[in-house]
C-alpha atoms as a PDB file:
ATOM      1  CA  MET A   1       0.000   0.000   0.000  1.00  0.00           C
ATOM      2  CA  PRO A   2       1.482   3.426  -0.882  1.00  0.00           C
ATOM      3  CA  PRO A   3       2.833   5.145   2.258  1.00  0.00           C
ATOM      4  CA  SER A   4       0.722   8.267   1.744  1.00  0.00           C
ATOM      5  CA  ILE A   5      -2.552   6.331   1.976  1.00  0.00           C
ATOM      6  CA  ARG A   6      -4.316   5.839   5.272  1.00  0.00           C
ATOM      7  CA  PRO A   7      -5.069   2.213   6.168  1.00  0.00           C
ATOM      8  CA  ALA A   8      -8.377   1.247   4.590  1.00  0.00           C
ATOM      9  CA  ARG A   9     -11.309  -0.210   6.460  1.00  0.00           C
ATOM     10  CA  ALA A  10     -11.904  -3.947   6.435  1.00  0.00           C
ATOM     11  CA  ARG A  11     -13.769  -5.461   3.494  1.00  0.00           C
ATOM     12  CA  PRO A  12     -17.295  -6.810   4.080  1.00  0.00           C
ATOM     13  CA  GLY A  13     -17.053 -10.221   5.708  1.00  0.00           C
ATOM     14  CA  GLN A  14     -13.711  -9.502   7.328  1.00  0.00           C
ATOM     15  CA  GLU A  15     -13.573  -9.079  11.073  1.00  0.00           C
ATOM     16  CA  PRO A  16     -12.110  -5.663  11.922  1.00  0.00           C
ATOM     17  CA  ALA A  17      -9.686  -5.384  14.814  1.00  0.00           C
ATOM     18  CA  GLY A  18     -11.674  -2.459  16.257  1.00  0.00           C
ATOM     19  CA  PRO A  19     -14.251   0.170  15.313  1.00  0.00           C
ATOM     20  CA  PRO A  20     -14.024   1.141  11.621  1.00  0.00           C
ATOM     21  CA  GLY A  21     -12.028   4.294  10.998  1.00  0.00           C
ATOM     22  CA  PRO A  22     -12.881   7.043   8.550  1.00  0.00           C
ATOM     23  CA  ALA A  23     -12.718   6.318   4.851  1.00  0.00           C
ATOM     24  CA  PRO A  24      -9.371   7.308   3.344  1.00  0.00           C
ATOM     25  CA  PHE A  25      -8.921  10.620   1.567  1.00  0.00           C
ATOM     26  CA  VAL A  26      -6.107  11.135  -0.944  1.00  0.00           C
ATOM     27  CA  LEU A  27      -4.825  14.448  -2.269  1.00  0.00           C
ATOM     28  CA  TYR A  28      -2.855  14.371  -5.527  1.00  0.00           C
ATOM     29  CA  VAL A  29      -0.551  17.221  -6.575  1.00  0.00           C
ATOM     30  CA  GLU A  30       1.897  17.665  -9.425  1.00  0.00           C
ATOM     31  CA  GLY A  31       5.022  18.267  -7.366  1.00  0.00           C
ATOM     32  CA  PRO A  32       6.506  18.978  -3.924  1.00  0.00           C
ATOM     33  CA  ARG A  33       6.325  22.741  -4.446  1.00  0.00           C
ATOM     34  CA  ASP A  34       2.559  22.557  -5.040  1.00  0.00           C
ATOM     35  CA  ARG A  35       2.168  20.477  -1.881  1.00  0.00           C
ATOM     36  CA  ASP A  36       4.235  22.894   0.212  1.00  0.00           C
ATOM     37  CA  VAL A  37       2.394  26.004  -0.998  1.00  0.00           C
ATOM     38  CA  LEU A  38      -0.999  24.370  -0.394  1.00  0.00           C
ATOM     39  CA  ARG A  39       0.102  23.333   3.076  1.00  0.00           C
ATOM     40  CA  ILE A  40       1.061  26.923   3.946  1.00  0.00           C
ATOM     41  CA  TRP A  41      -2.292  28.230   2.725  1.00  0.00           C
ATOM     42  CA  CYS A  42      -4.119  25.527   4.675  1.00  0.00           C
ATOM     43  CA  GLU A  43      -2.178  26.241   7.874  1.00  0.00           C
ATOM     44  CA  ARG A  44      -3.580  29.764   7.832  1.00  0.00           C
ATOM     45  CA  HIS A  45      -6.998  29.325   6.269  1.00  0.00           C
ATOM     46  CA  GLN A  46      -8.093  25.658   6.499  1.00  0.00           C
ATOM     47  CA  PRO A  47      -6.094  24.187   9.407  1.00  0.00           C
ATOM     48  CA  GLY A  48      -8.131  20.981   9.505  1.00  0.00           C
ATOM     49  CA  SER A  49      -6.577  19.881   6.202  1.00  0.00           C
ATOM     50  CA  VAL A  50      -2.894  20.447   6.996  1.00  0.00           C
ATOM     51  CA  GLU A  51      -2.093  16.818   7.814  1.00  0.00           C
ATOM     52  CA  ILE A  52      -3.770  15.573   4.627  1.00  0.00           C
ATOM     53  CA  VAL A  53      -1.853  18.049   2.465  1.00  0.00           C
ATOM     54  CA  GLY A  54       1.420  17.030   4.057  1.00  0.00           C
ATOM     55  CA  GLN A  55       0.728  13.424   3.000  1.00  0.00           C
ATOM     56  CA  ALA A  56      -0.203  14.320  -0.581  1.00  0.00           C
ATOM     57  CA  VAL A  57       0.717  11.919  -3.378  1.00  0.00           C
ATOM     58  CA  ILE A  58       3.203  13.522  -5.800  1.00  0.00           C
ATOM     59  CA  LEU A  59       2.371  12.792  -9.445  1.00  0.00           C
ATOM     60  CA  GLY A  60       5.621  14.065 -10.943  1.00  0.00           C
ATOM     61  CA  GLY A  61       3.973  16.522 -13.341  1.00  0.00           C
ATOM     62  CA  ARG A  62       0.563  16.963 -14.904  1.00  0.00           C
ATOM     63  CA  GLN A  63      -0.404  13.280 -14.988  1.00  0.00           C
ATOM     64  CA  PRO A  64      -4.050  12.859 -13.959  1.00  0.00           C
ATOM     65  CA  HIS A  65      -4.025   9.296 -15.319  1.00  0.00           C
ATOM     66  CA  ARG A  66      -1.556   8.371 -12.572  1.00  0.00           C
ATOM     67  CA  ALA A  67      -3.955   9.739  -9.966  1.00  0.00           C
ATOM     68  CA  VAL A  68      -6.782   7.664 -11.462  1.00  0.00           C
ATOM     69  CA  GLU A  69      -4.691   4.483 -11.452  1.00  0.00           C
ATOM     70  CA  HIS A  70      -3.553   5.045  -7.880  1.00  0.00           C
ATOM     71  CA  PHE A  71      -7.035   5.934  -6.670  1.00  0.00           C
ATOM     72  CA  ARG A  72      -8.557   2.781  -8.160  1.00  0.00           C
ATOM     73  CA  VAL A  73      -6.294   0.749  -5.869  1.00  0.00           C
ATOM     74  CA  VAL A  74      -7.472   2.819  -2.911  1.00  0.00           C
ATOM     75  CA  ARG A  75     -11.153   2.324  -3.814  1.00  0.00           C
ATOM     76  CA  ASP A  76     -10.632  -1.405  -4.249  1.00  0.00           C
ATOM     77  CA  ALA A  77      -9.720  -1.458  -0.561  1.00  0.00           C
ATOM     78  CA  ASP A  78     -12.459   0.980   0.497  1.00  0.00           C
ATOM     79  CA  PRO A  79     -15.315   1.948  -1.876  1.00  0.00           C
ATOM     80  CA  ASP A  80     -16.074   4.997   0.289  1.00  0.00           C
ATOM     81  CA  ALA A  81     -12.666   6.564  -0.365  1.00  0.00           C
ATOM     82  CA  ARG A  82     -12.519  10.099  -1.727  1.00  0.00           C
ATOM     83  CA  GLY A  83      -9.780  11.881  -3.649  1.00  0.00           C
ATOM     84  CA  LEU A  84      -8.922  15.307  -5.059  1.00  0.00           C
ATOM     85  CA  CYS A  85      -6.370  15.862  -7.819  1.00  0.00           C
ATOM     86  CA  VAL A  86      -5.015  19.425  -8.226  1.00  0.00           C
ATOM     87  CA  LEU A  87      -3.621  20.262 -11.665  1.00  0.00           C
ATOM     88  CA  ASP A  88      -2.087  23.214 -13.455  1.00  0.00           C
ATOM     89  CA  ARG A  89      -3.953  24.276 -16.576  1.00  0.00           C
ATOM     90  CA  ASP A  90      -0.673  24.817 -18.468  1.00  0.00           C
ATOM     91  CA  ASP A  91      -1.421  25.784 -22.079  1.00  0.00           C
ATOM     92  CA  ALA A  92      -4.913  24.308 -22.307  1.00  0.00           C
ATOM     93  CA  PRO A  93      -7.533  26.927 -23.301  1.00  0.00           C
ATOM     94  CA  ALA A  94      -9.890  25.873 -20.496  1.00  0.00           C
ATOM     95  CA  PRO A  95     -10.007  23.507 -17.508  1.00  0.00           C
ATOM     96  CA  GLU A  96     -10.634  19.892 -18.397  1.00  0.00           C
ATOM     97  CA  PRO A  97     -13.952  18.207 -17.498  1.00  0.00           C
ATOM     98  CA  ALA A  98     -14.610  16.490 -14.215  1.00  0.00           C
ATOM     99  CA  SER A  99     -13.156  13.077 -13.486  1.00  0.00           C
ATOM    100  CA  ASP A 100     -15.128   9.998 -14.539  1.00  0.00           C
ATOM    101  CA  GLU A 101     -13.588   8.002 -11.708  1.00  0.00           C
ATOM    102  CA  PRO A 102     -16.117   7.611  -8.837  1.00  0.00           C
ATOM    103  CA  GLY A 103     -14.973   9.411  -5.714  1.00  0.00           C
ATOM    104  CA  LEU A 104     -12.131  11.294  -7.407  1.00  0.00           C
ATOM    105  CA  GLU A 105     -12.469  14.999  -8.221  1.00  0.00           C
ATOM    106  CA  LEU A 106     -10.194  16.933 -10.560  1.00  0.00           C
ATOM    107  CA  PHE A 107      -9.457  20.574  -9.798  1.00  0.00           C
ATOM    108  CA  THR A 108      -7.694  22.537 -12.542  1.00  0.00           C
ATOM    109  CA  TRP A 109      -6.459  26.049 -11.860  1.00  0.00           C
ATOM    110  CA  GLY A 110      -8.087  28.760 -13.972  1.00  0.00           C
ATOM    111  CA  ARG A 111      -4.670  30.344 -14.493  1.00  0.00           C
ATOM    112  CA  ARG A 112      -1.767  28.425 -16.026  1.00  0.00           C
ATOM    113  CA  HIS A 113      -0.018  27.474 -12.808  1.00  0.00           C
ATOM    114  CA  LEU A 114      -0.482  27.441  -9.055  1.00  0.00           C
ATOM    115  CA  GLU A 115       2.467  29.868  -8.933  1.00  0.00           C
ATOM    116  CA  SER A 116       0.312  32.458 -10.720  1.00  0.00           C
ATOM    117  CA  TYR A 117      -1.626  32.985  -7.500  1.00  0.00           C
ATOM    118  CA  LEU A 118       1.534  33.889  -5.574  1.00  0.00           C
ATOM    119  CA  LEU A 119       2.372  36.896  -7.735  1.00  0.00           C
ATOM    120  CA  VAL A 120       0.499  39.510  -5.731  1.00  0.00           C
ATOM    121  CA  ALA A 121       2.405  42.795  -5.726  1.00  0.00           C
ATOM    122  CA  ALA A 122       1.948  43.560  -2.016  1.00  0.00           C
ATOM    123  CA  ALA A 123       2.889  40.011  -0.988  1.00  0.00           C
ATOM    124  CA  LEU A 124       6.000  40.081  -3.167  1.00  0.00           C
ATOM    125  CA  ARG A 125       7.086  43.318  -1.560  1.00  0.00           C
ATOM    126  CA  ARG A 126       6.622  41.882   1.924  1.00  0.00           C
ATOM    127  CA  ALA A 127       8.729  38.871   0.919  1.00  0.00           C
ATOM    128  CA  GLY A 128      11.812  41.060   0.486  1.00  0.00           C
ATOM    129  CA  ARG A 129      14.545  40.823   3.117  1.00  0.00           C
ATOM    130  CA  ASP A 130      15.247  44.561   3.297  1.00  0.00           C
ATOM    131  CA  GLN A 131      14.182  47.880   1.829  1.00  0.00           C
ATOM    132  CA  LYS A 132      16.425  47.464  -1.206  1.00  0.00           C
ATOM    133  CA  GLU A 133      14.865  44.103  -2.089  1.00  0.00           C
ATOM    134  CA  ARG A 134      11.383  45.399  -1.428  1.00  0.00           C
ATOM    135  CA  PHE A 135      11.968  48.262  -3.845  1.00  0.00           C
ATOM    136  CA  ARG A 136      13.194  45.839  -6.541  1.00  0.00           C
ATOM    137  CA  LEU A 137      10.216  43.554  -6.022  1.00  0.00           C
ATOM    138  CA  GLU A 138       7.832  46.492  -6.233  1.00  0.00           C
ATOM    139  CA  ARG A 139       9.410  47.546  -9.527  1.00  0.00           C
ATOM    140  CA  PHE A 140       9.261  43.977 -10.833  1.00  0.00           C
ATOM    141  CA  ALA A 141       5.544  43.784 -10.061  1.00  0.00           C
ATOM    142  CA  ARG A 142       4.918  47.114 -11.759  1.00  0.00           C
ATOM    143  CA  ASP A 143       6.912  46.242 -14.899  1.00  0.00           C
ATOM    144  CA  SER A 144       6.271  42.506 -15.316  1.00  0.00           C
ATOM    145  CA  LEU A 145       2.818  41.678 -13.948  1.00  0.00           C
ATOM    146  CA  PRO A 146      -0.590  42.431 -15.498  1.00  0.00           C
ATOM    147  CA  PRO A 147      -3.027  44.745 -13.711  1.00  0.00           C
ATOM    148  CA  ALA A 148      -4.902  42.907 -10.972  1.00  0.00           C
ATOM    149  CA  SER A 149      -8.174  43.311 -12.886  1.00  0.00           C
ATOM    150  CA  ASP A 150      -6.859  41.867 -16.192  1.00  0.00           C
ATOM    151  CA  GLU A 151      -7.744  38.208 -15.654  1.00  0.00           C
ATOM    152  CA  PRO A 152      -7.233  37.191 -19.334  1.00  0.00           C
ATOM    153  CA  ALA A 153      -3.633  38.430 -19.112  1.00  0.00           C
ATOM    154  CA  TRP A 154      -3.133  36.525 -15.856  1.00  0.00           C
ATOM    155  CA  ARG A 155      -4.463  33.379 -17.526  1.00  0.00           C
ATOM    156  CA  ARG A 156      -1.749  33.718 -20.179  1.00  0.00           C
ATOM    157  CA  LEU A 157       1.096  34.562 -17.797  1.00  0.00           C
ATOM    158  CA  ASP A 158       3.851  31.950 -17.402  1.00  0.00           C
ATOM    159  CA  ALA A 159       4.413  32.318 -13.666  1.00  0.00           C
ATOM    160  CA  LYS A 160       6.765  29.342 -13.447  1.00  0.00           C
ATOM    161  CA  ARG A 161       9.188  31.063 -15.818  1.00  0.00           C
ATOM    162  CA  LEU A 162       9.201  34.205 -13.673  1.00  0.00           C
ATOM    163  CA  LEU A 163       9.900  32.275 -10.470  1.00  0.00           C
ATOM    164  CA  GLU A 164      12.310  29.620 -11.720  1.00  0.00           C
ATOM    165  CA  ARG A 165      15.957  29.507 -10.694  1.00  0.00           C
ATOM    166  CA  ASP A 166      17.911  31.968 -12.899  1.00  0.00           C
ATOM    167  CA  GLY A 167      14.587  33.481 -13.959  1.00  0.00           C
ATOM    168  CA  PRO A 168      13.707  37.206 -13.828  1.00  0.00           C
ATOM    169  CA  LEU A 169      13.070  37.378 -10.087  1.00  0.00           C
ATOM    170  CA  HIS A 170      16.275  35.493  -9.327  1.00  0.00           C
ATOM    171  CA  ARG A 171      18.274  37.900 -11.487  1.00  0.00           C
ATOM    172  CA  ILE A 172      16.663  40.968  -9.918  1.00  0.00           C
ATOM    173  CA  LEU A 173      17.391  39.846  -6.346  1.00  0.00           C
ATOM    174  CA  GLY A 174      20.602  37.926  -6.970  1.00  0.00           C
ATOM    175  CA  ARG A 175      19.013  34.937  -5.236  1.00  0.00           C
ATOM    176  CA  PRO A 176      15.992  32.675  -5.672  1.00  0.00           C
ATOM    177  CA  LEU A 177      12.783  33.778  -3.976  1.00  0.00           C
ATOM    178  CA  PRO A 178      11.206  30.605  -2.537  1.00  0.00           C
ATOM    179  CA  THR A 179       7.538  30.120  -3.316  1.00  0.00           C
ATOM    180  CA  GLY A 180       6.953  29.222   0.325  1.00  0.00           C
ATOM    181  CA  THR A 181       8.223  32.642   1.397  1.00  0.00           C
ATOM    182  CA  ILE A 182       5.755  34.370  -0.924  1.00  0.00           C
ATOM    183  CA  ALA A 183       2.907  32.080   0.165  1.00  0.00           C
ATOM    184  CA  ARG A 184       3.526  33.021   3.808  1.00  0.00           C
ATOM    185  CA  SER A 185       3.463  36.704   2.832  1.00  0.00           C
ATOM    186  CA  LEU A 186      -0.013  36.483   1.305  1.00  0.00           C
ATOM    187  CA  ARG A 187      -2.815  37.792   3.488  1.00  0.00           C
ATOM    188  CA  GLY A 188      -6.264  36.236   3.592  1.00  0.00           C
ATOM    189  CA  ASP A 189      -7.862  39.090   1.679  1.00  0.00           C
ATOM    190  CA  GLU A 190      -5.242  38.707  -1.066  1.00  0.00           C
ATOM    191  CA  LEU A 191      -6.071  35.082  -1.874  1.00  0.00           C
ATOM    192  CA  HIS A 192      -7.634  34.723  -5.318  1.00  0.00           C
ATOM    193  CA  GLY A 193     -11.111  33.237  -5.641  1.00  0.00           C
ATOM    194  CA  ASP A 194      -9.616  30.144  -7.317  1.00  0.00           C
ATOM    195  CA  VAL A 195      -7.495  29.486  -4.229  1.00  0.00           C
ATOM    196  CA  LEU A 196     -10.450  29.908  -1.894  1.00  0.00           C
ATOM    197  CA  SER A 197     -12.489  27.577  -4.106  1.00  0.00           C
ATOM    198  CA  LEU A 198      -9.777  24.906  -3.942  1.00  0.00           C
ATOM    199  CA  LEU A 199      -9.462  25.181  -0.159  1.00  0.00           C
ATOM    200  CA  GLY A 200     -13.236  24.890   0.206  1.00  0.00           C
ATOM    201  CA  ARG A 201     -13.369  21.816  -2.033  1.00  0.00           C
ATOM    202  CA  LEU A 202     -10.485  20.253  -0.125  1.00  0.00           C
ATOM    203  CA  ILE A 203     -12.259  20.571   3.207  1.00  0.00           C
ATOM    204  CA  SER A 204     -15.553  19.373   1.703  1.00  0.00           C
ATOM    205  CA  ALA A 205     -13.878  16.294   0.205  1.00  0.00           C
ATOM    206  CA  ILE A 206     -12.112  15.462   3.472  1.00  0.00           C
ATOM    207  CA  ARG A 207     -15.372  15.716   5.402  1.00  0.00           C
ATOM    208  CA  GLY A 208     -17.118  13.595   2.789  1.00  0.00           C
ATOM    209  CA  ALA A 209     -14.506  10.868   3.174  1.00  0.00           C
ATOM    210  CA  GLY A 210     -14.750  10.940   6.963  1.00  0.00           C
END
């Protein structure tokens, strides 16, 4: 059984060792950075889901078929299991349809990447170590990011390129700016509606499994 899966309840006809526990819930994410950012957001806004996020199954990229295959094994052990798979949209024109796998939901970001939701000008500025860095981050936001109200431009923005090692932000600061640092700088009223929707669905799915 994969280590990130909670032990499943006994099958019908088997004698359980004690009272049946909650049905398992599995969160699937593309990579460790997605998991860590989601965990930070949950710590502050949905604390009941922190443990689940920390145990997320890493897909190694945008591979929803791997989540489906893994989740089928989980449901074979417990038909009441629930799962949520969080995916970047990448270059697709629109989010893909819902999963056909019973118990497994797919959530696709409206913007290209999870990292898109970190690029809030005020949060970037707060992530700077000193006044000099904060000034550079403020200028970066002004020169490189779309207006907050221009959602079509945000949907096109390649946030991963901006945040990658040796990318624009790295060159401006002379060091990488960890996504976790930016995530911790975001205030509740700065979280995008897509983020709030994901956090709400995560809690709902966990409660449904339990």
